[in-house]
C-alpha atoms as a PDB file:
ATOM      1  CA  UNK A   1      69.057-111.878  40.696  1.00  0.00           C
ATOM      2  CA  UNK A   2      68.750-114.550  37.794  1.00  0.00           C
ATOM      3  CA  UNK A   3      71.260-117.499  37.135  1.00  0.00           C
ATOM      4  CA  UNK A   4      71.299-119.368  34.006  1.00  0.00           C
ATOM      5  CA  UNK A   5      72.715-123.029  33.571  1.00  0.00           C
ATOM      6  CA  UNK A   6      73.525-124.942  30.837  1.00  0.00           C
ATOM      7  CA  UNK A   7      74.741-128.646  30.572  1.00  0.00           C
ATOM      8  CA  UNK A   8      76.914-130.070  28.170  1.00  0.00           C
ATOM      9  CA  UNK A   9      77.959-133.964  27.157  1.00  0.00           C
ATOM     10  CA  UNK A  10      76.210-136.660  28.967  1.00  0.00           C
ATOM     11  CA  UNK A  11      74.975-134.080  31.577  1.00  0.00           C
ATOM     12  CA  UNK A  12      72.743-132.746  28.718  1.00  0.00           C
ATOM     13  CA  UNK A  13      70.823-136.050  28.518  1.00  0.00           C
ATOM     14  CA  UNK A  14      69.917-135.520  31.832  1.00  0.00           C
ATOM     15  CA  UNK A  15      69.365-131.893  31.867  1.00  0.00           C
ATOM     16  CA  UNK A  16      67.415-131.559  28.635  1.00  0.00           C
ATOM     17  CA  UNK A  17      67.208-127.546  28.612  1.00  0.00           C
ATOM     18  CA  UNK A  18      68.688-124.337  29.885  1.00  0.00           C
ATOM     19  CA  UNK A  19      67.539-123.631  33.192  1.00  0.00           C
ATOM     20  CA  UNK A  20      67.426-120.427  34.988  1.00  0.00           C
ATOM     21  CA  UNK A  21      66.840-120.081  38.803  1.00  0.00           C
ATOM     22  CA  UNK A  22      66.578-117.355  41.263  1.00  0.00           C
ATOM     23  CA  UNK A  23      68.006-116.123  44.474  1.00  0.00           C
ATOM     24  CA  UNK A  24      70.837-118.411  44.685  1.00  0.00           C
ATOM     25  CA  UNK A  25      73.903-116.717  46.351  1.00  0.00           C
ATOM     26  CA  UNK A  26      76.601-119.187  45.517  1.00  0.00           C
ATOM     27  CA  UNK A  27      77.512-122.726  43.662  1.00  0.00           C
ATOM     28  CA  UNK A  28      76.969-124.484  46.843  1.00  0.00           C
ATOM     29  CA  UNK A  29      73.321-123.512  46.810  1.00  0.00           C
ATOM     30  CA  UNK A  30      72.945-124.247  43.014  1.00  0.00           C
ATOM     31  CA  UNK A  31      74.491-127.808  43.312  1.00  0.00           C
ATOM     32  CA  UNK A  32      72.177-128.172  45.998  1.00  0.00           C
ATOM     33  CA  UNK A  33      69.120-127.102  44.161  1.00  0.00           C
ATOM     34  CA  UNK A  34      70.060-128.799  40.948  1.00  0.00           C
ATOM     35  CA  UNK A  35      70.659-132.206  42.566  1.00  0.00           C
ATOM     36  CA  UNK A  36      67.423-131.789  44.149  1.00  0.00           C
ATOM     37  CA  UNK A  37      65.607-131.100  41.153  1.00  0.00           C
ATOM     38  CA  UNK A  38      67.482-133.956  39.291  1.00  0.00           C
ATOM     39  CA  UNK A  39      68.356-136.614  41.545  1.00  0.00           C
ATOM     40  CA  UNK A  40      70.686-138.419  38.947  1.00  0.00           C
ATOM     41  CA  UNK A  41      72.971-135.840  38.944  1.00  0.00           C
ATOM     42  CA  UNK A  42      74.259-136.335  42.386  1.00  0.00           C
ATOM     43  CA  UNK A  43      75.680-139.508  40.948  1.00  0.00           C
ATOM     44  CA  UNK A  44      77.689-138.056  37.984  1.00  0.00           C
ATOM     45  CA  UNK A  45      80.933-136.506  38.307  1.00  0.00           C
ATOM     46  CA  UNK A  46      80.994-132.814  36.746  1.00  0.00           C
ATOM     47  CA  UNK A  47      82.886-129.535  37.218  1.00  0.00           C
ATOM     48  CA  UNK A  48      81.022-126.248  37.373  1.00  0.00           C
ATOM     49  CA  UNK A  49      82.362-123.183  35.175  1.00  0.00           C
ATOM     50  CA  UNK A  50      81.060-119.815  36.013  1.00  0.00           C
ATOM     51  CA  UNK A  51      81.359-117.126  33.331  1.00  0.00           C
ATOM     52  CA  UNK A  52      83.507-119.500  31.322  1.00  0.00           C
ATOM     53  CA  UNK A  53      85.833-119.931  34.106  1.00  0.00           C
ATOM     54  CA  UNK A  54      86.157-123.404  35.730  1.00  0.00           C
ATOM     55  CA  UNK A  55      85.757-123.033  39.671  1.00  0.00           C
ATOM     56  CA  UNK A  56      87.279-125.531  42.340  1.00  0.00           C
ATOM     57  CA  UNK A  57      85.102-124.851  45.552  1.00  0.00           C
ATOM     58  CA  UNK A  58      82.379-122.724  46.629  1.00  0.00           C
ATOM     59  CA  UNK A  59      81.961-119.424  44.228  1.00  0.00           C
ATOM     60  CA  UNK A  60      79.559-116.270  44.585  1.00  0.00           C
ATOM     61  CA  UNK A  61      77.222-116.049  41.991  1.00  0.00           C
ATOM     62  CA  UNK A  62      75.886-112.491  40.564  1.00  0.00           C
ATOM     63  CA  UNK A  63      72.915-111.421  38.581  1.00  0.00           C
ATOM     64  CA  UNK A  64      73.129-112.855  35.010  1.00  0.00           C
ATOM     65  CA  UNK A  65      75.980-115.282  35.730  1.00  0.00           C
ATOM     66  CA  UNK A  66      75.910-118.461  33.356  1.00  0.00           C
ATOM     67  CA  UNK A  67      77.082-121.552  34.918  1.00  0.00           C
ATOM     68  CA  UNK A  68      78.097-124.372  32.582  1.00  0.00           C
ATOM     69  CA  UNK A  69      77.814-128.080  33.662  1.00  0.00           C
ATOM     70  CA  UNK A  70      80.808-129.839  32.209  1.00  0.00           C
ATOM     71  CA  UNK A  71      81.503-133.554  32.126  1.00  0.00           C
ATOM     72  CA  UNK A  72      84.810-135.060  32.965  1.00  0.00           C
ATOM     73  CA  UNK A  73      87.648-134.365  30.790  1.00  0.00           C
ATOM     74  CA  UNK A  74      91.116-135.356  30.208  1.00  0.00           C
ATOM     75  CA  UNK A  75      94.109-133.675  28.354  1.00  0.00           C
ATOM     76  CA  UNK A  76      95.431-135.211  25.224  1.00  0.00           C
END
């Protein structure tokens, strides 16, 4: 199973390329792996979107899921 990760905004300056990970079952596993790989990420606020849907909390991942890391945003 392959998961694709892309970062936007200020997160893109930390994660400079698109990433792929194998064998992660949910977003909690992914977040742990990302913060282990990019320690500065744990100090930033961000939300995740899985297959174009912003998520809240732990979400299952499937083969070829696309996860976007999004900086904080506000309406307006």
